[in-house]
All heavy atoms as atom14 arrays in JSON, in Angstrom:
{
  "sequence": "GVRTMHRITKEVKEYYARIIFVNASALNTNLILLN",
  "atom14_mask": [
    [1, 1, 1, 1, 0, 0, 0, 0, 0, 0, 0, 0, 0, 0],
    [1, 1, 1, 1, 1, 1, 1, 0, 0, 0, 0, 0, 0, 0],
    [1, 1, 1, 1, 1, 1, 1, 1, 1, 1, 1, 0, 0, 0],
    [1, 1, 1, 1, 1, 1, 1, 0, 0, 0, 0, 0, 0, 0],
    [1, 1, 1, 1, 1, 1, 1, 1, 0, 0, 0, 0, 0, 0],
    [1, 1, 1, 1, 1, 1, 1, 1, 1, 1, 0, 0, 0, 0],
    [1, 1, 1, 1, 1, 1, 1, 1, 1, 1, 1, 0, 0, 0],
    [1, 1, 1, 1, 1, 1, 1, 1, 0, 0, 0, 0, 0, 0],
    [1, 1, 1, 1, 1, 1, 1, 0, 0, 0, 0, 0, 0, 0],
    [1, 1, 1, 1, 1, 1, 1, 1, 1, 0, 0, 0, 0, 0],
    [1, 1, 1, 1, 1, 1, 1, 1, 1, 0, 0, 0, 0, 0],
    [1, 1, 1, 1, 1, 1, 1, 0, 0, 0, 0, 0, 0, 0],
    [1, 1, 1, 1, 1, 1, 1, 1, 1, 0, 0, 0, 0, 0],
    [1, 1, 1, 1, 1, 1, 1, 1, 1, 0, 0, 0, 0, 0],
    [1, 1, 1, 1, 1, 1, 1, 1, 1, 1, 1, 1, 0, 0],
    [1, 1, 1, 1, 1, 1, 1, 1, 1, 1, 1, 1, 0, 0],
    [1, 1, 1, 1, 1, 0, 0, 0, 0, 0, 0, 0, 0, 0],
    [1, 1, 1, 1, 1, 1, 1, 1, 1, 1, 1, 0, 0, 0],
    [1, 1, 1, 1, 1, 1, 1, 1, 0, 0, 0, 0, 0, 0],
    [1, 1, 1, 1, 1, 1, 1, 1, 0, 0, 0, 0, 0, 0],
    [1, 1, 1, 1, 1, 1, 1, 1, 1, 1, 1, 0, 0, 0],
    [1, 1, 1, 1, 1, 1, 1, 0, 0, 0, 0, 0, 0, 0],
    [1, 1, 1, 1, 1, 1, 1, 1, 0, 0, 0, 0, 0, 0],
    [1, 1, 1, 1, 1, 0, 0, 0, 0, 0, 0, 0, 0, 0],
    [1, 1, 1, 1, 1, 1, 0, 0, 0, 0, 0, 0, 0, 0],
    [1, 1, 1, 1, 1, 0, 0, 0, 0, 0, 0, 0, 0, 0],
    [1, 1, 1, 1, 1, 1, 1, 1, 0, 0, 0, 0, 0, 0],
    [1, 1, 1, 1, 1, 1, 1, 1, 0, 0, 0, 0, 0, 0],
    [1, 1, 1, 1, 1, 1, 1, 0, 0, 0, 0, 0, 0, 0],
    [1, 1, 1, 1, 1, 1, 1, 1, 0, 0, 0, 0, 0, 0],
    [1, 1, 1, 1, 1, 1, 1, 1, 0, 0, 0, 0, 0, 0],
    [1, 1, 1, 1, 1, 1, 1, 1, 0, 0, 0, 0, 0, 0],
    [1, 1, 1, 1, 1, 1, 1, 1, 0, 0, 0, 0, 0, 0],
    [1, 1, 1, 1, 1, 1, 1, 1, 0, 0, 0, 0, 0, 0],
    [1, 1, 1, 1, 1, 1, 1, 1, 0, 0, 0, 0, 0, 0]
  ],
  "atom14_positions": [
    [[0.9, -1.26, 0.01], [0.04, 0.07, 0.0], [0.93, 1.2, 0.04], [2.05, 1.19, -0.34], [0.0, 0.0, 0.0], [0.0, 0.0, 0.0], [0.0, 0.0, 0.0], [0.0, 0.0, 0.0], [0.0, 0.0, 0.0], [0.0, 0.0, 0.0], [0.0, 0.0, 0.0], [0.0, 0.0, 0.0], [0.0, 0.0, 0.0], [0.0, 0.0, 0.0]],
    [[0.29, 2.3, 0.38], [0.91, 3.58, 0.49], [0.5, 4.38, 1.62], [-0.63, 4.23, 2.18], [0.52, 4.43, -0.92], [1.07, 3.9, -2.13], [-0.86, 4.85, -0.89], [0.0, 0.0, 0.0], [0.0, 0.0, 0.0], [0.0, 0.0, 0.0], [0.0, 0.0, 0.0], [0.0, 0.0, 0.0], [0.0, 0.0, 0.0], [0.0, 0.0, 0.0]],
    [[1.38, 5.37, 2.18], [1.04, 6.23, 3.12], [0.96, 7.61, 2.67], [1.74, 8.14, 1.81], [2.05, 6.14, 4.26], [1.82, 7.1, 5.4], [2.85, 6.96, 6.52], [2.88, 5.7, 7.05], [3.91, 4.78, 7.06], [4.99, 5.15, 6.39], [3.82, 3.7, 7.55], [0.0, 0.0, 0.0], [0.0, 0.0, 0.0], [0.0, 0.0, 0.0]],
    [[-0.25, 8.35, 2.98], [-0.33, 9.68, 2.53], [-0.58, 10.75, 3.64], [-0.84, 10.27, 4.84], [-1.66, 9.8, 1.61], [-2.79, 9.68, 2.44], [-1.62, 8.69, 0.47], [0.0, 0.0, 0.0], [0.0, 0.0, 0.0], [0.0, 0.0, 0.0], [0.0, 0.0, 0.0], [0.0, 0.0, 0.0], [0.0, 0.0, 0.0], [0.0, 0.0, 0.0]],
    [[-0.41, 11.9, 3.25], [-0.79, 13.16, 4.19], [-1.64, 14.01, 3.42], [-1.3, 14.36, 2.28], [0.42, 13.73, 4.73], [0.09, 14.91, 5.63], [1.64, 15.9, 6.26], [2.09, 14.66, 7.46], [0.0, 0.0, 0.0], [0.0, 0.0, 0.0], [0.0, 0.0, 0.0], [0.0, 0.0, 0.0], [0.0, 0.0, 0.0], [0.0, 0.0, 0.0]],
    [[-2.75, 14.44, 3.98], [-3.68, 15.4, 3.39], [-2.89, 16.7, 3.19], [-2.31, 17.2, 4.15], [-4.91, 15.43, 4.17], [-6.02, 16.26, 3.39], [-6.05, 17.66, 3.21], [-7.03, 15.76, 2.72], [-7.08, 17.96, 2.5], [-7.73, 16.8, 2.16], [0.0, 0.0, 0.0], [0.0, 0.0, 0.0], [0.0, 0.0, 0.0], [0.0, 0.0, 0.0]],
    [[-3.06, 17.27, 1.95], [-2.24, 18.46, 1.7], [-2.55, 19.56, 2.54], [-1.82, 20.42, 3.0], [-2.56, 18.91, 0.18], [-1.91, 20.1, -0.16], [-2.22, 20.36, -1.6], [-3.62, 20.69, -1.98], [-4.07, 21.87, -1.95], [-3.43, 22.92, -1.79], [-5.38, 22.09, -2.35], [0.0, 0.0, 0.0], [0.0, 0.0, 0.0], [0.0, 0.0, 0.0]],
    [[-3.87, 19.82, 3.04], [-4.31, 20.84, 3.83], [-4.44, 20.51, 5.34], [-3.74, 21.2, 6.2], [-5.7, 21.37, 3.28], [-5.55, 21.76, 1.86], [-6.1, 22.49, 4.18], [-6.9, 22.11, 1.24], [0.0, 0.0, 0.0], [0.0, 0.0, 0.0], [0.0, 0.0, 0.0], [0.0, 0.0, 0.0], [0.0, 0.0, 0.0], [0.0, 0.0, 0.0]],
    [[-5.13, 19.44, 5.63], [-5.18, 19.07, 7.1], [-4.17, 18.34, 7.72], [-4.04, 18.31, 9.0], [-6.58, 18.18, 7.22], [-6.3, 16.92, 6.54], [-7.73, 18.84, 6.55], [0.0, 0.0, 0.0], [0.0, 0.0, 0.0], [0.0, 0.0, 0.0], [0.0, 0.0, 0.0], [0.0, 0.0, 0.0], [0.0, 0.0, 0.0], [0.0, 0.0, 0.0]],
    [[-3.26, 17.76, 6.92], [-2.03, 17.05, 7.25], [-2.46, 15.66, 8.02], [-1.62, 14.99, 8.63], [-1.14, 17.86, 8.36], [-0.69, 19.22, 7.74], [0.23, 19.0, 6.6], [0.77, 20.39, 5.97], [0.56, 21.53, 6.5], [0.0, 0.0, 0.0], [0.0, 0.0, 0.0], [0.0, 0.0, 0.0], [0.0, 0.0, 0.0], [0.0, 0.0, 0.0]],
    [[-3.6, 15.2, 7.8], [-4.11, 13.96, 8.2], [-3.38, 12.89, 7.53], [-3.27, 12.89, 6.33], [-5.63, 13.84, 8.14], [-6.15, 12.44, 8.64], [-7.57, 12.25, 8.28], [-8.12, 12.98, 7.66], [-8.1, 11.1, 8.81], [0.0, 0.0, 0.0], [0.0, 0.0, 0.0], [0.0, 0.0, 0.0], [0.0, 0.0, 0.0], [0.0, 0.0, 0.0]],
    [[-2.92, 11.9, 8.33], [-2.12, 10.8, 7.71], [-3.03, 9.49, 7.56], [-3.72, 9.28, 8.35], [-0.85, 10.38, 8.64], [-0.14, 9.19, 7.94], [0.13, 11.61, 8.71], [0.0, 0.0, 0.0], [0.0, 0.0, 0.0], [0.0, 0.0, 0.0], [0.0, 0.0, 0.0], [0.0, 0.0, 0.0], [0.0, 0.0, 0.0], [0.0, 0.0, 0.0]],
    [[-3.03, 8.84, 6.31], [-3.73, 7.84, 6.03], [-2.86, 6.74, 5.3], [-1.82, 6.98, 4.79], [-5.06, 7.96, 5.15], [-6.05, 8.83, 5.83], [-7.27, 8.97, 4.92], [-8.51, 9.74, 5.58], [-9.62, 9.84, 4.72], [0.0, 0.0, 0.0], [0.0, 0.0, 0.0], [0.0, 0.0, 0.0], [0.0, 0.0, 0.0], [0.0, 0.0, 0.0]],
    [[-3.45, 5.36, 5.43], [-2.78, 4.38, 4.64], [-3.77, 3.74, 3.79], [-4.97, 3.55, 4.22], [-2.11, 3.26, 5.62], [-0.91, 3.78, 6.29], [-0.16, 2.87, 7.22], [-0.69, 1.74, 7.28], [0.92, 3.14, 7.71], [0.0, 0.0, 0.0], [0.0, 0.0, 0.0], [0.0, 0.0, 0.0], [0.0, 0.0, 0.0], [0.0, 0.0, 0.0]],
    [[-3.5, 3.47, 2.51], [-4.34, 2.73, 1.65], [-3.54, 1.42, 1.18], [-2.37, 1.51, 1.0], [-4.6, 3.65, 0.51], [-5.4, 4.98, 0.87], [-4.6, 6.04, 1.09], [-6.73, 4.87, 0.99], [-5.29, 7.17, 1.45], [-7.47, 6.04, 1.38], [-6.68, 7.22, 1.57], [-7.26, 8.36, 1.94], [0.0, 0.0, 0.0], [0.0, 0.0, 0.0]],
    [[-4.39, 0.39, 0.78], [-3.81, -0.84, 0.52], [-4.25, -1.37, -0.88], [-5.4, -1.13, -1.26], [-4.1, -1.88, 1.58], [-3.58, -1.45, 3.1], [-4.47, -0.72, 3.73], [-2.4, -1.82, 3.39], [-3.95, -0.2, 5.04], [-1.85, -1.26, 4.61], [-2.63, -0.54, 5.43], [-2.25, -0.15, 6.57], [0.0, 0.0, 0.0], [0.0, 0.0, 0.0]],
    [[-3.39, -2.19, -1.59], [-3.76, -2.66, -2.84], [-2.88, -3.84, -3.16], [-1.79, -3.94, -2.72], [-3.75, -1.43, -3.97], [0.0, 0.0, 0.0], [0.0, 0.0, 0.0], [0.0, 0.0, 0.0], [0.0, 0.0, 0.0], [0.0, 0.0, 0.0], [0.0, 0.0, 0.0], [0.0, 0.0, 0.0], [0.0, 0.0, 0.0], [0.0, 0.0, 0.0]],
    [[-3.26, -4.53, -4.25], [-2.42, -5.61, -4.66], [-1.46, -5.31, -5.72], [-0.36, -5.8, -5.86], [-3.35, -6.7, -5.29], [-4.39, -7.29, -4.27], [-5.7, -7.74, -4.92], [-5.49, -9.05, -5.77], [-6.48, -9.48, -6.48], [-7.58, -8.98, -6.53], [-6.15, -10.6, -7.25], [0.0, 0.0, 0.0], [0.0, 0.0, 0.0], [0.0, 0.0, 0.0]],
    [[-1.71, -4.16, -6.57], [-0.68, -3.72, -7.48], [-0.71, -2.18, -7.24], [-1.69, -1.56, -7.1], [-0.99, -4.14, -8.92], [-2.35, -3.71, -9.39], [-0.71, -5.58, -9.06], [-2.7, -4.02, -10.85], [0.0, 0.0, 0.0], [0.0, 0.0, 0.0], [0.0, 0.0, 0.0], [0.0, 0.0, 0.0], [0.0, 0.0, 0.0], [0.0, 0.0, 0.0]],
    [[0.49, -1.57, -7.57], [0.6, -0.07, -7.34], [1.31, 0.4, -8.62], [2.28, -0.08, -9.02], [1.46, 0.17, -6.2], [0.74, -0.21, -4.9], [1.68, 1.79, -6.11], [1.53, -0.08, -3.75], [0.0, 0.0, 0.0], [0.0, 0.0, 0.0], [0.0, 0.0, 0.0], [0.0, 0.0, 0.0], [0.0, 0.0, 0.0], [0.0, 0.0, 0.0]],
    [[0.69, 1.5, -9.29], [1.25, 2.17, -10.4], [1.84, 3.52, -9.86], [1.07, 4.29, -9.3], [0.34, 2.32, -11.65], [0.27, 1.08, -12.53], [-0.19, -0.09, -12.26], [0.82, 1.23, -13.74], [-0.18, -1.15, -13.05], [0.95, 0.11, -14.76], [0.4, -0.95, -14.31], [0.0, 0.0, 0.0], [0.0, 0.0, 0.0], [0.0, 0.0, 0.0]],
    [[3.09, 3.78, -10.2], [3.64, 4.99, -9.69], [3.74, 5.98, -10.93], [4.56, 5.63, -11.86], [5.03, 4.81, -9.06], [5.5, 6.2, -8.32], [5.0, 3.7, -8.08], [0.0, 0.0, 0.0], [0.0, 0.0, 0.0], [0.0, 0.0, 0.0], [0.0, 0.0, 0.0], [0.0, 0.0, 0.0], [0.0, 0.0, 0.0], [0.0, 0.0, 0.0]],
    [[2.87, 7.0, -10.97], [2.78, 7.97, -12.17], [2.78, 9.33, -11.67], [1.87, 10.09, -12.1], [1.65, 7.58, -12.94], [1.65, 6.2, -13.45], [1.06, 5.27, -12.78], [2.28, 5.97, -14.59], [0.0, 0.0, 0.0], [0.0, 0.0, 0.0], [0.0, 0.0, 0.0], [0.0, 0.0, 0.0], [0.0, 0.0, 0.0], [0.0, 0.0, 0.0]],
    [[3.76, 9.69, -10.7], [3.7, 10.93, -10.13], [4.35, 11.99, -10.78], [4.54, 13.24, -10.35], [4.29, 10.88, -8.72], [0.0, 0.0, 0.0], [0.0, 0.0, 0.0], [0.0, 0.0, 0.0], [0.0, 0.0, 0.0], [0.0, 0.0, 0.0], [0.0, 0.0, 0.0], [0.0, 0.0, 0.0], [0.0, 0.0, 0.0], [0.0, 0.0, 0.0]],
    [[4.83, 11.77, -12.02], [5.76, 12.56, -12.93], [7.16, 12.19, -12.55], [7.5, 11.88, -11.41], [5.46, 14.03, -12.81], [6.12, 14.66, -11.77], [0.0, 0.0, 0.0], [0.0, 0.0, 0.0], [0.0, 0.0, 0.0], [0.0, 0.0, 0.0], [0.0, 0.0, 0.0], [0.0, 0.0, 0.0], [0.0, 0.0, 0.0], [0.0, 0.0, 0.0]],
    [[8.1, 12.43, -13.45], [9.36, 11.65, -13.38], [10.11, 11.99, -12.04], [10.47, 10.96, -11.4], [10.26, 12.09, -14.5], [0.0, 0.0, 0.0], [0.0, 0.0, 0.0], [0.0, 0.0, 0.0], [0.0, 0.0, 0.0], [0.0, 0.0, 0.0], [0.0, 0.0, 0.0], [0.0, 0.0, 0.0], [0.0, 0.0, 0.0], [0.0, 0.0, 0.0]],
    [[10.32, 13.28, -11.72], [11.11, 13.46, -10.52], [10.35, 13.12, -9.18], [10.93, 12.64, -8.35], [11.66, 14.86, -10.48], [12.56, 15.3, -11.58], [13.3, 16.66, -11.39], [13.56, 14.17, -12.01], [0.0, 0.0, 0.0], [0.0, 0.0, 0.0], [0.0, 0.0, 0.0], [0.0, 0.0, 0.0], [0.0, 0.0, 0.0], [0.0, 0.0, 0.0]],
    [[9.03, 13.39, -9.21], [8.31, 13.02, -8.03], [8.18, 11.45, -7.76], [8.12, 11.01, -6.64], [6.84, 13.62, -8.09], [6.81, 15.01, -7.5], [7.35, 15.22, -6.29], [6.14, 16.04, -8.21], [0.0, 0.0, 0.0], [0.0, 0.0, 0.0], [0.0, 0.0, 0.0], [0.0, 0.0, 0.0], [0.0, 0.0, 0.0], [0.0, 0.0, 0.0]],
    [[8.13, 10.77, -8.99], [8.24, 9.4, -8.81], [9.53, 8.89, -8.22], [9.69, 7.97, -7.4], [7.97, 8.62, -10.18], [6.7, 8.76, -10.58], [8.34, 7.17, -10.14], [0.0, 0.0, 0.0], [0.0, 0.0, 0.0], [0.0, 0.0, 0.0], [0.0, 0.0, 0.0], [0.0, 0.0, 0.0], [0.0, 0.0, 0.0], [0.0, 0.0, 0.0]],
    [[10.64, 9.5, -8.68], [12.0, 9.16, -8.01], [11.8, 9.54, -6.48], [12.51, 8.75, -5.69], [13.03, 10.03, -8.65], [13.57, 9.29, -9.98], [14.54, 8.52, -9.99], [13.06, 9.65, -11.09], [0.0, 0.0, 0.0], [0.0, 0.0, 0.0], [0.0, 0.0, 0.0], [0.0, 0.0, 0.0], [0.0, 0.0, 0.0], [0.0, 0.0, 0.0]],
    [[11.31, 10.68, -6.15], [11.34, 11.09, -4.85], [10.56, 10.02, -3.94], [11.01, 9.76, -2.93], [10.67, 12.56, -4.75], [10.6, 13.21, -3.47], [10.47, 14.65, -3.69], [9.5, 12.77, -2.48], [0.0, 0.0, 0.0], [0.0, 0.0, 0.0], [0.0, 0.0, 0.0], [0.0, 0.0, 0.0], [0.0, 0.0, 0.0], [0.0, 0.0, 0.0]],
    [[9.3, 9.76, -4.37], [8.51, 8.66, -3.65], [9.29, 7.38, -3.48], [9.26, 6.95, -2.34], [7.17, 8.52, -4.3], [6.32, 9.74, -4.28], [6.4, 7.28, -3.74], [5.01, 9.76, -5.12], [0.0, 0.0, 0.0], [0.0, 0.0, 0.0], [0.0, 0.0, 0.0], [0.0, 0.0, 0.0], [0.0, 0.0, 0.0], [0.0, 0.0, 0.0]],
    [[9.96, 6.84, -4.41], [10.59, 5.64, -4.35], [11.8, 5.72, -3.47], [12.11, 4.88, -2.69], [11.07, 5.06, -5.71], [9.83, 4.73, -6.7], [10.4, 4.3, -8.1], [9.13, 3.45, -6.02], [0.0, 0.0, 0.0], [0.0, 0.0, 0.0], [0.0, 0.0, 0.0], [0.0, 0.0, 0.0], [0.0, 0.0, 0.0], [0.0, 0.0, 0.0]],
    [[12.54, 6.83, -3.65], [13.68, 7.03, -2.68], [13.33, 7.19, -1.25], [14.03, 6.72, -0.33], [14.37, 8.35, -3.06], [15.21, 8.26, -4.35], [15.69, 9.69, -4.88], [16.54, 7.43, -4.1], [0.0, 0.0, 0.0], [0.0, 0.0, 0.0], [0.0, 0.0, 0.0], [0.0, 0.0, 0.0], [0.0, 0.0, 0.0], [0.0, 0.0, 0.0]],
    [[12.2, 7.69, -0.91], [11.6, 7.84, 0.39], [10.92, 6.6, 0.89], [10.45, 6.63, 2.12], [10.71, 9.04, 0.45], [10.47, 9.47, 1.9], [11.47, 9.76, 2.56], [9.2, 10.0, 2.27], [0.0, 0.0, 0.0], [0.0, 0.0, 0.0], [0.0, 0.0, 0.0], [0.0, 0.0, 0.0], [0.0, 0.0, 0.0], [0.0, 0.0, 0.0]]
  ]
}
């Protein structure tokens, strides 16, 4: 799954899935994978 933070409220959530596509745009995809 993935861990997210709401852009405005800063609430943290987790979502789960069997497959994940990372399409955040080139440098943000690198950033997410590095983190």
